[in-house]
PDB file of N, CA and C in Angstrom:
ATOM      1  N   MET A   1     171.409  -8.701 229.394  1.00  0.00           N
ATOM      2  CA  MET A   1     171.573  -7.882 228.203  1.00  0.00           C
ATOM      3  C   MET A   1     173.005  -8.055 227.714  1.00  0.00           C
ATOM      4  N   SER A   2     173.135  -8.168 226.422  1.00  0.00           N
ATOM      5  CA  SER A   2     174.472  -8.339 225.857  1.00  0.00           C
ATOM      6  C   SER A   2     175.236  -7.007 225.881  1.00  0.00           C
ATOM      7  N   PRO A   3     176.531  -7.049 225.662  1.00  0.00           N
ATOM      8  CA  PRO A   3     177.345  -5.825 225.761  1.00  0.00           C
ATOM      9  C   PRO A   3     176.974  -4.730 224.751  1.00  0.00           C
ATOM     10  N   ARG A   4     176.550  -5.099 223.575  1.00  0.00           N
ATOM     11  CA  ARG A   4     176.274  -4.063 222.564  1.00  0.00           C
ATOM     12  C   ARG A   4     175.114  -3.152 222.937  1.00  0.00           C
ATOM     13  N   PRO A   5     173.952  -3.683 223.331  1.00  0.00           N
ATOM     14  CA  PRO A   5     172.881  -2.775 223.774  1.00  0.00           C
ATOM     15  C   PRO A   5     173.269  -2.006 225.037  1.00  0.00           C
ATOM     16  N   GLN A   6     174.033  -2.640 225.902  1.00  0.00           N
ATOM     17  CA  GLN A   6     174.507  -1.940 227.089  1.00  0.00           C
ATOM     18  C   GLN A   6     175.377  -0.753 226.680  1.00  0.00           C
ATOM     19  N   TYR A   7     176.206  -0.948 225.663  1.00  0.00           N
ATOM     20  CA  TYR A   7     177.018   0.157 225.153  1.00  0.00           C
ATOM     21  C   TYR A   7     176.119   1.246 224.565  1.00  0.00           C
ATOM     22  N   ASP A   8     175.049   0.855 223.858  1.00  0.00           N
ATOM     23  CA  ASP A   8     174.108   1.845 223.315  1.00  0.00           C
ATOM     24  C   ASP A   8     173.579   2.731 224.444  1.00  0.00           C
ATOM     25  N   ILE A   9     173.203   2.109 225.546  1.00  0.00           N
ATOM     26  CA  ILE A   9     172.655   2.841 226.695  1.00  0.00           C
ATOM     27  C   ILE A   9     173.720   3.742 227.313  1.00  0.00           C
ATOM     28  N   GLU A  10     174.906   3.198 227.511  1.00  0.00           N
ATOM     29  CA  GLU A  10     175.987   3.985 228.116  1.00  0.00           C
ATOM     30  C   GLU A  10     176.378   5.170 227.241  1.00  0.00           C
ATOM     31  N   ASP A  11     176.394   4.954 225.938  1.00  0.00           N
ATOM     32  CA  ASP A  11     176.736   6.021 225.001  1.00  0.00           C
ATOM     33  C   ASP A  11     175.690   7.142 225.052  1.00  0.00           C
ATOM     34  N   ALA A  12     174.416   6.769 225.056  1.00  0.00           N
ATOM     35  CA  ALA A  12     173.343   7.764 225.138  1.00  0.00           C
ATOM     36  C   ALA A  12     173.384   8.493 226.471  1.00  0.00           C
ATOM     37  N   TYR A  13     173.613   7.758 227.549  1.00  0.00           N
ATOM     38  CA  TYR A  13     173.709   8.367 228.869  1.00  0.00           C
ATOM     39  C   TYR A  13     174.822   9.414 228.893  1.00  0.00           C
ATOM     40  N   ALA A  14     175.975   9.066 228.361  1.00  0.00           N
ATOM     41  CA  ALA A  14     177.115   9.999 228.342  1.00  0.00           C
ATOM     42  C   ALA A  14     176.778  11.246 227.526  1.00  0.00           C
ATOM     43  N   TRP A  15     176.056  11.057 226.422  1.00  0.00           N
ATOM     44  CA  TRP A  15     175.686  12.207 225.587  1.00  0.00           C
ATOM     45  C   TRP A  15     174.734  13.130 226.357  1.00  0.00           C
ATOM     46  N   TYR A  16     173.714  12.557 226.998  1.00  0.00           N
ATOM     47  CA  TYR A  16     172.779  13.380 227.773  1.00  0.00           C
ATOM     48  C   TYR A  16     173.471  14.032 228.967  1.00  0.00           C
ATOM     49  N   LEU A  17     174.424  13.337 229.553  1.00  0.00           N
ATOM     50  CA  LEU A  17     175.124  13.854 230.714  1.00  0.00           C
ATOM     51  C   LEU A  17     175.908  15.127 230.388  1.00  0.00           C
ATOM     52  N   GLN A  18     176.354  15.278 229.154  1.00  0.00           N
ATOM     53  CA  GLN A  18     177.053  16.495 228.745  1.00  0.00           C
ATOM     54  C   GLN A  18     176.176  17.729 228.886  1.00  0.00           C
ATOM     55  N   SER A  19     174.875  17.529 228.743  1.00  0.00           N
ATOM     56  CA  SER A  19     173.932  18.648 228.844  1.00  0.00           C
ATOM     57  C   SER A  19     173.290  18.762 230.218  1.00  0.00           C
ATOM     58  N   SER A  20     172.938  17.592 230.787  1.00  0.00           N
ATOM     59  CA  SER A  20     172.166  17.632 232.023  1.00  0.00           C
ATOM     60  C   SER A  20     172.201  16.281 232.734  1.00  0.00           C
ATOM     61  N   GLU A  21     172.582  16.297 233.987  1.00  0.00           N
ATOM     62  CA  GLU A  21     172.557  15.069 234.779  1.00  0.00           C
ATOM     63  C   GLU A  21     171.122  14.584 234.952  1.00  0.00           C
ATOM     64  N   ILE A  22     170.198  15.524 235.069  1.00  0.00           N
ATOM     65  CA  ILE A  22     168.784  15.154 235.209  1.00  0.00           C
ATOM     66  C   ILE A  22     168.297  14.431 233.958  1.00  0.00           C
ATOM     67  N   ALA A  23     168.619  14.966 232.791  1.00  0.00           N
ATOM     68  CA  ALA A  23     168.210  14.321 231.537  1.00  0.00           C
ATOM     69  C   ALA A  23     168.843  12.942 231.406  1.00  0.00           C
ATOM     70  N   ALA A  24     170.118  12.831 231.755  1.00  0.00           N
ATOM     71  CA  ALA A  24     170.810  11.547 231.669  1.00  0.00           C
ATOM     72  C   ALA A  24     170.159  10.514 232.587  1.00  0.00           C
ATOM     73  N   ASN A  25     169.857  10.906 233.802  1.00  0.00           N
ATOM     74  CA  ASN A  25     169.212   9.991 234.742  1.00  0.00           C
ATOM     75  C   ASN A  25     167.786   9.651 234.324  1.00  0.00           C
ATOM     76  N   ASN A  26     167.078  10.629 233.754  1.00  0.00           N
ATOM     77  CA  ASN A  26     165.732  10.363 233.236  1.00  0.00           C
ATOM     78  C   ASN A  26     165.781   9.360 232.089  1.00  0.00           C
ATOM     79  N   PHE A  27     166.795   9.482 231.245  1.00  0.00           N
ATOM     80  CA  PHE A  27     166.958   8.529 230.152  1.00  0.00           C
ATOM     81  C   PHE A  27     167.119   7.116 230.711  1.00  0.00           C
ATOM     82  N   LEU A  28     168.021   6.962 231.676  1.00  0.00           N
ATOM     83  CA  LEU A  28     168.252   5.634 232.255  1.00  0.00           C
ATOM     84  C   LEU A  28     166.993   5.058 232.887  1.00  0.00           C
ATOM     85  N   SER A  29     166.293   5.865 233.656  1.00  0.00           N
ATOM     86  CA  SER A  29     165.102   5.341 234.332  1.00  0.00           C
ATOM     87  C   SER A  29     163.989   5.032 233.333  1.00  0.00           C
ATOM     88  N   THR A  30     163.870   5.832 232.285  1.00  0.00           N
ATOM     89  CA  THR A  30     162.850   5.571 231.267  1.00  0.00           C
ATOM     90  C   THR A  30     163.152   4.274 230.521  1.00  0.00           C
ATOM     91  N   VAL A  31     164.389   4.083 230.131  1.00  0.00           N
ATOM     92  CA  VAL A  31     164.766   2.839 229.447  1.00  0.00           C
ATOM     93  C   VAL A  31     164.528   1.640 230.369  1.00  0.00           C
ATOM     94  N   ALA A  32     164.864   1.764 231.639  1.00  0.00           N
ATOM     95  CA  ALA A  32     164.645   0.668 232.593  1.00  0.00           C
ATOM     96  C   ALA A  32     163.164   0.304 232.680  1.00  0.00           C
ATOM     97  N   ILE A  33     162.297   1.300 232.689  1.00  0.00           N
ATOM     98  CA  ILE A  33     160.853   1.048 232.715  1.00  0.00           C
ATOM     99  C   ILE A  33     160.421   0.256 231.489  1.00  0.00           C
ATOM    100  N   TYR A  34     160.914   0.666 230.321  1.00  0.00           N
ATOM    101  CA  TYR A  34     160.538  -0.036 229.100  1.00  0.00           C
ATOM    102  C   TYR A  34     161.124  -1.436 229.037  1.00  0.00           C
ATOM    103  N   LEU A  35     162.321  -1.650 229.535  1.00  0.00           N
ATOM    104  CA  LEU A  35     162.884  -2.996 229.571  1.00  0.00           C
ATOM    105  C   LEU A  35     162.038  -3.907 230.462  1.00  0.00           C
ATOM    106  N   GLU A  36     161.549  -3.360 231.556  1.00  0.00           N
ATOM    107  CA  GLU A  36     160.661  -4.133 232.432  1.00  0.00           C
ATOM    108  C   GLU A  36     159.356  -4.479 231.711  1.00  0.00           C
ATOM    109  N   ARG A  37     158.786  -3.523 231.000  1.00  0.00           N
ATOM    110  CA  ARG A  37     157.548  -3.778 230.242  1.00  0.00           C
ATOM    111  C   ARG A  37     157.766  -4.859 229.189  1.00  0.00           C
ATOM    112  N   ILE A  38     158.901  -4.790 228.515  1.00  0.00           N
ATOM    113  CA  ILE A  38     159.224  -5.801 227.502  1.00  0.00           C
ATOM    114  C   ILE A  38     159.315  -7.173 228.155  1.00  0.00           C
ATOM    115  N   SER A  39     159.958  -7.262 229.301  1.00  0.00           N
ATOM    116  CA  SER A  39     160.126  -8.557 229.959  1.00  0.00           C
ATOM    117  C   SER A  39     158.790  -9.147 230.406  1.00  0.00           C
ATOM    118  N   ARG A  40     157.836  -8.278 230.774  1.00  0.00           N
ATOM    119  CA  ARG A  40     156.527  -8.763 231.244  1.00  0.00           C
ATOM    120  C   ARG A  40     155.601  -9.146 230.100  1.00  0.00           C
ATOM    121  N   ARG A  41     155.609  -8.353 229.022  1.00  0.00           N
ATOM    122  CA  ARG A  41     154.643  -8.576 227.937  1.00  0.00           C
ATOM    123  C   ARG A  41     155.285  -8.316 226.577  1.00  0.00           C
ATOM    124  N   PRO A  42     156.223  -9.140 226.161  1.00  0.00           N
ATOM    125  CA  PRO A  42     156.941  -8.872 224.903  1.00  0.00           C
ATOM    126  C   PRO A  42     156.027  -8.852 223.676  1.00  0.00           C
ATOM    127  N   GLN A  43     154.985  -9.643 223.677  1.00  0.00           N
ATOM    128  CA  GLN A  43     154.128  -9.704 222.494  1.00  0.00           C
ATOM    129  C   GLN A  43     153.204  -8.501 222.362  1.00  0.00           C
ATOM    130  N   SER A  44     153.206  -7.623 223.332  1.00  0.00           N
ATOM    131  CA  SER A  44     152.380  -6.422 223.222  1.00  0.00           C
ATOM    132  C   SER A  44     153.045  -5.359 222.348  1.00  0.00           C
ATOM    133  N   PHE A  45     154.286  -5.595 221.953  1.00  0.00           N
ATOM    134  CA  PHE A  45     155.003  -4.639 221.106  1.00  0.00           C
ATOM    135  C   PHE A  45     154.973  -5.110 219.657  1.00  0.00           C
ATOM    136  N   ALA A  46     154.934  -4.141 218.771  1.00  0.00           N
ATOM    137  CA  ALA A  46     154.765  -4.421 217.343  1.00  0.00           C
ATOM    138  C   ALA A  46     155.950  -5.161 216.745  1.00  0.00           C
ATOM    139  N   LEU A  47     155.632  -6.028 215.785  1.00  0.00           N
ATOM    140  CA  LEU A  47     156.695  -6.653 215.010  1.00  0.00           C
ATOM    141  C   LEU A  47     157.428  -5.560 214.250  1.00  0.00           C
ATOM    142  N   TYR A  48     158.739  -5.694 214.188  1.00  0.00           N
ATOM    143  CA  TYR A  48     159.569  -4.699 213.510  1.00  0.00           C
ATOM    144  C   TYR A  48     160.182  -5.284 212.247  1.00  0.00           C
ATOM    145  N   THR A  49     160.819  -6.418 212.394  1.00  0.00           N
ATOM    146  CA  THR A  49     161.273  -7.196 211.248  1.00  0.00           C
ATOM    147  C   THR A  49     160.687  -8.588 211.424  1.00  0.00           C
ATOM    148  N   ARG A  50     161.030  -9.467 210.560  1.00  0.00           N
ATOM    149  CA  ARG A  50     160.471 -10.820 210.619  1.00  0.00           C
ATOM    150  C   ARG A  50     160.745 -11.501 211.961  1.00  0.00           C
ATOM    151  N   ARG A  51     161.896 -11.215 212.565  1.00  0.00           N
ATOM    152  CA  ARG A  51     162.275 -11.894 213.810  1.00  0.00           C
ATOM    153  C   ARG A  51     162.415 -10.968 215.006  1.00  0.00           C
ATOM    154  N   THR A  52     162.058  -9.712 214.873  1.00  0.00           N
ATOM    155  CA  THR A  52     162.236  -8.779 215.993  1.00  0.00           C
ATOM    156  C   THR A  52     160.963  -7.988 216.273  1.00  0.00           C
ATOM    157  N   ARG A  53     160.959  -7.401 217.451  1.00  0.00           N
ATOM    158  CA  ARG A  53     159.912  -6.470 217.857  1.00  0.00           C
ATOM    159  C   ARG A  53     160.580  -5.173 218.265  1.00  0.00           C
ATOM    160  N   ARG A  54     159.787  -4.105 218.275  1.00  0.00           N
ATOM    161  CA  ARG A  54     160.340  -2.794 218.625  1.00  0.00           C
ATOM    162  C   ARG A  54     159.450  -2.114 219.645  1.00  0.00           C
ATOM    163  N   CYS A  55     160.107  -1.523 220.626  1.00  0.00           N
ATOM    164  CA  CYS A  55     159.444  -0.733 221.651  1.00  0.00           C
ATOM    165  C   CYS A  55     159.978   0.695 221.533  1.00  0.00           C
ATOM    166  N   VAL A  56     159.113   1.621 221.178  1.00  0.00           N
ATOM    167  CA  VAL A  56     159.508   3.017 221.066  1.00  0.00           C
ATOM    168  C   VAL A  56     159.509   3.636 222.452  1.00  0.00           C
ATOM    169  N   VAL A  57     160.624   4.256 222.807  1.00  0.00           N
ATOM    170  CA  VAL A  57     160.786   4.866 224.129  1.00  0.00           C
ATOM    171  C   VAL A  57     160.208   6.281 224.092  1.00  0.00           C
ATOM    172  N   SER A  58     159.232   6.538 224.941  1.00  0.00           N
ATOM    173  CA  SER A  58     158.639   7.876 224.962  1.00  0.00           C
ATOM    174  C   SER A  58     159.615   8.879 225.571  1.00  0.00           C
ATOM    175  N   LYS A  59     159.508  10.108 225.159  1.00  0.00           N
ATOM    176  CA  LYS A  59     160.294  11.249 225.642  1.00  0.00           C
ATOM    177  C   LYS A  59     161.732  11.278 225.136  1.00  0.00           C
ATOM    178  N   PHE A  60     162.187  10.195 224.523  1.00  0.00           N
ATOM    179  CA  PHE A  60     163.541  10.134 223.999  1.00  0.00           C
ATOM    180  C   PHE A  60     163.498   9.513 222.603  1.00  0.00           C
ATOM    181  N   PRO A  61     164.394   9.911 221.708  1.00  0.00           N
ATOM    182  CA  PRO A  61     164.361   9.394 220.333  1.00  0.00           C
ATOM    183  C   PRO A  61     165.048   8.031 220.202  1.00  0.00           C
ATOM    184  N   TYR A  62     164.594   7.073 220.996  1.00  0.00           N
ATOM    185  CA  TYR A  62     165.190   5.740 221.008  1.00  0.00           C
ATOM    186  C   TYR A  62     164.116   4.671 220.929  1.00  0.00           C
ATOM    187  N   SER A  63     164.514   3.517 220.413  1.00  0.00           N
ATOM    188  CA  SER A  63     163.669   2.325 220.414  1.00  0.00           C
ATOM    189  C   SER A  63     164.497   1.167 220.942  1.00  0.00           C
ATOM    190  N   VAL A  64     163.822   0.254 221.611  1.00  0.00           N
ATOM    191  CA  VAL A  64     164.461  -0.981 222.049  1.00  0.00           C
ATOM    192  C   VAL A  64     164.057  -2.054 221.043  1.00  0.00           C
ATOM    193  N   ILE A  65     165.055  -2.653 220.414  1.00  0.00           N
ATOM    194  CA  ILE A  65     164.824  -3.713 219.441  1.00  0.00           C
ATOM    195  C   ILE A  65     165.151  -5.033 220.144  1.00  0.00           C
ATOM    196  N   PHE A  66     164.227  -5.998 220.065  1.00  0.00           N
ATOM    197  CA  PHE A  66     164.443  -7.248 220.782  1.00  0.00           C
ATOM    198  C   PHE A  66     163.855  -8.431 220.038  1.00  0.00           C
ATOM    199  N   GLN A  67     164.332  -9.609 220.440  1.00  0.00           N
ATOM    200  CA  GLN A  67     163.824 -10.879 219.913  1.00  0.00           C
ATOM    201  C   GLN A  67     163.287 -11.703 221.070  1.00  0.00           C
ATOM    202  N   GLU A  68     162.175 -12.344 220.821  1.00  0.00           N
ATOM    203  CA  GLU A  68     161.676 -13.324 221.781  1.00  0.00           C
ATOM    204  C   GLU A  68     162.371 -14.638 221.479  1.00  0.00           C
ATOM    205  N   GLN A  69     162.918 -15.257 222.500  1.00  0.00           N
ATOM    206  CA  GLN A  69     163.536 -16.570 222.337  1.00  0.00           C
ATOM    207  C   GLN A  69     162.782 -17.566 223.186  1.00  0.00           C
ATOM    208  N   ALA A  70     163.150 -18.810 223.108  1.00  0.00           N
ATOM    209  CA  ALA A  70     162.387 -19.869 223.780  1.00  0.00           C
ATOM    210  C   ALA A  70     162.127 -19.572 225.258  1.00  0.00           C
ATOM    211  N   ILE A  71     163.169 -19.169 225.989  1.00  0.00           N
ATOM    212  CA  ILE A  71     162.978 -18.933 227.422  1.00  0.00           C
ATOM    213  C   ILE A  71     163.481 -17.561 227.865  1.00  0.00           C
ATOM    214  N   SER A  72     163.742 -16.697 226.908  1.00  0.00           N
ATOM    215  CA  SER A  72     164.269 -15.383 227.282  1.00  0.00           C
ATOM    216  C   SER A  72     163.944 -14.339 226.213  1.00  0.00           C
ATOM    217  N   ILE A  73     164.303 -13.125 226.533  1.00  0.00           N
ATOM    218  CA  ILE A  73     164.200 -11.996 225.603  1.00  0.00           C
ATOM    219  C   ILE A  73     165.623 -11.539 225.320  1.00  0.00           C
ATOM    220  N   LEU A  74     165.970 -11.405 224.053  1.00  0.00           N
ATOM    221  CA  LEU A  74     167.292 -10.932 223.677  1.00  0.00           C
ATOM    222  C   LEU A  74     167.173  -9.485 223.212  1.00  0.00           C
ATOM    223  N   ILE A  75     167.767  -8.568 223.964  1.00  0.00           N
ATOM    224  CA  ILE A  75     167.784  -7.156 223.574  1.00  0.00           C
ATOM    225  C   ILE A  75     168.916  -7.002 222.565  1.00  0.00           C
ATOM    226  N   LEU A  76     168.578  -6.545 221.373  1.00  0.00           N
ATOM    227  CA  LEU A  76     169.567  -6.397 220.315  1.00  0.00           C
ATOM    228  C   LEU A  76     170.155  -4.998 220.258  1.00  0.00           C
ATOM    229  N   ALA A  77     169.320  -3.995 220.529  1.00  0.00           N
ATOM    230  CA  ALA A  77     169.796  -2.612 220.427  1.00  0.00           C
ATOM    231  C   ALA A  77     168.879  -1.677 221.186  1.00  0.00           C
ATOM    232  N   VAL A  78     169.468  -0.605 221.644  1.00  0.00           N
ATOM    233  CA  VAL A  78     168.722   0.557 222.107  1.00  0.00           C
ATOM    234  C   VAL A  78     169.123   1.619 221.097  1.00  0.00           C
ATOM    235  N   ALA A  79     168.311   1.711 220.055  1.00  0.00           N
ATOM    236  CA  ALA A  79     168.684   2.405 218.828  1.00  0.00           C
ATOM    237  C   ALA A  79     168.146   3.829 218.772  1.00  0.00           C
ATOM    238  N   HIS A  80     169.021   4.759 218.420  1.00  0.00           N
ATOM    239  CA  HIS A  80     168.620   6.154 218.225  1.00  0.00           C
ATOM    240  C   HIS A  80     167.838   6.260 216.926  1.00  0.00           C
ATOM    241  N   ALA A  81     166.784   7.048 216.927  1.00  0.00           N
ATOM    242  CA  ALA A  81     165.909   7.183 215.768  1.00  0.00           C
ATOM    243  C   ALA A  81     166.606   7.762 214.541  1.00  0.00           C
ATOM    244  N   LYS A  82     167.660   8.537 214.741  1.00  0.00           N
ATOM    245  CA  LYS A  82     168.337   9.168 213.606  1.00  0.00           C
ATOM    246  C   LYS A  82     169.516   8.349 213.079  1.00  0.00           C
ATOM    247  N   ARG A  83     169.842   7.269 213.762  1.00  0.00           N
ATOM    248  CA  ARG A  83     170.931   6.422 213.309  1.00  0.00           C
ATOM    249  C   ARG A  83     170.430   5.531 212.183  1.00  0.00           C
ATOM    250  N   HIS A  84     171.320   5.073 211.332  1.00  0.00           N
ATOM    251  CA  HIS A  84     170.917   4.194 210.235  1.00  0.00           C
ATOM    252  C   HIS A  84     170.035   3.081 210.798  1.00  0.00           C
ATOM    253  N   PRO A  85     168.842   2.882 210.244  1.00  0.00           N
ATOM    254  CA  PRO A  85     167.865   2.006 210.879  1.00  0.00           C
ATOM    255  C   PRO A  85     168.252   0.534 210.975  1.00  0.00           C
ATOM    256  N   SER A  86     169.221   0.082 210.219  1.00  0.00           N
ATOM    257  CA  SER A  86     169.545  -1.342 210.283  1.00  0.00           C
ATOM    258  C   SER A  86     170.960  -1.616 210.795  1.00  0.00           C
ATOM    259  N   TYR A  87     171.567  -0.651 211.460  1.00  0.00           N
ATOM    260  CA  TYR A  87     172.934  -0.854 211.943  1.00  0.00           C
ATOM    261  C   TYR A  87     173.042  -2.035 212.897  1.00  0.00           C
ATOM    262  N   TRP A  88     171.996  -2.352 213.593  1.00  0.00           N
ATOM    263  CA  TRP A  88     171.993  -3.390 214.609  1.00  0.00           C
ATOM    264  C   TRP A  88     171.716  -4.780 214.034  1.00  0.00           C
ATOM    265  N   LYS A  89     171.304  -4.868 212.772  1.00  0.00           N
ATOM    266  CA  LYS A  89     170.858  -6.158 212.226  1.00  0.00           C
ATOM    267  C   LYS A  89     171.929  -7.241 212.268  1.00  0.00           C
ATOM    268  N   LYS A  90     173.184  -6.855 212.197  1.00  0.00           N
ATOM    269  CA  LYS A  90     174.229  -7.878 212.264  1.00  0.00           C
ATOM    270  C   LYS A  90     174.367  -8.460 213.671  1.00  0.00           C
ATOM    271  N   ARG A  91     173.621  -7.937 214.625  1.00  0.00           N
ATOM    272  CA  ARG A  91     173.632  -8.457 215.985  1.00  0.00           C
ATOM    273  C   ARG A  91     172.705  -9.655 216.152  1.00  0.00           C
ATOM    274  N   THR A  92     171.856  -9.918 215.181  1.00  0.00           N
ATOM    275  CA  THR A  92     170.881 -11.024 215.321  1.00  0.00           C
ATOM    276  C   THR A  92     171.534 -12.366 215.140  1.00  0.00           C
TER     277      THR A  92
END
């Protein structure tokens, strides 16, 4: 994972940690589950833009935006639902 999506995760974790360590840890484990699902079956997630797919994270207002590449998956963002929807597009 590139540094920018990692920062998205760390930023969200820090925000949840202000309220609850349990919530923060649940966020991390939930995102990890979805990253694993993406790695196993990327085409099972809906197209989001012409070159990306989106995985909506249950229980949290986040989506994982990713691109399928020839031999890998590129995670572009772990995006909050209330943030400007295209802030991550310059990462492609």
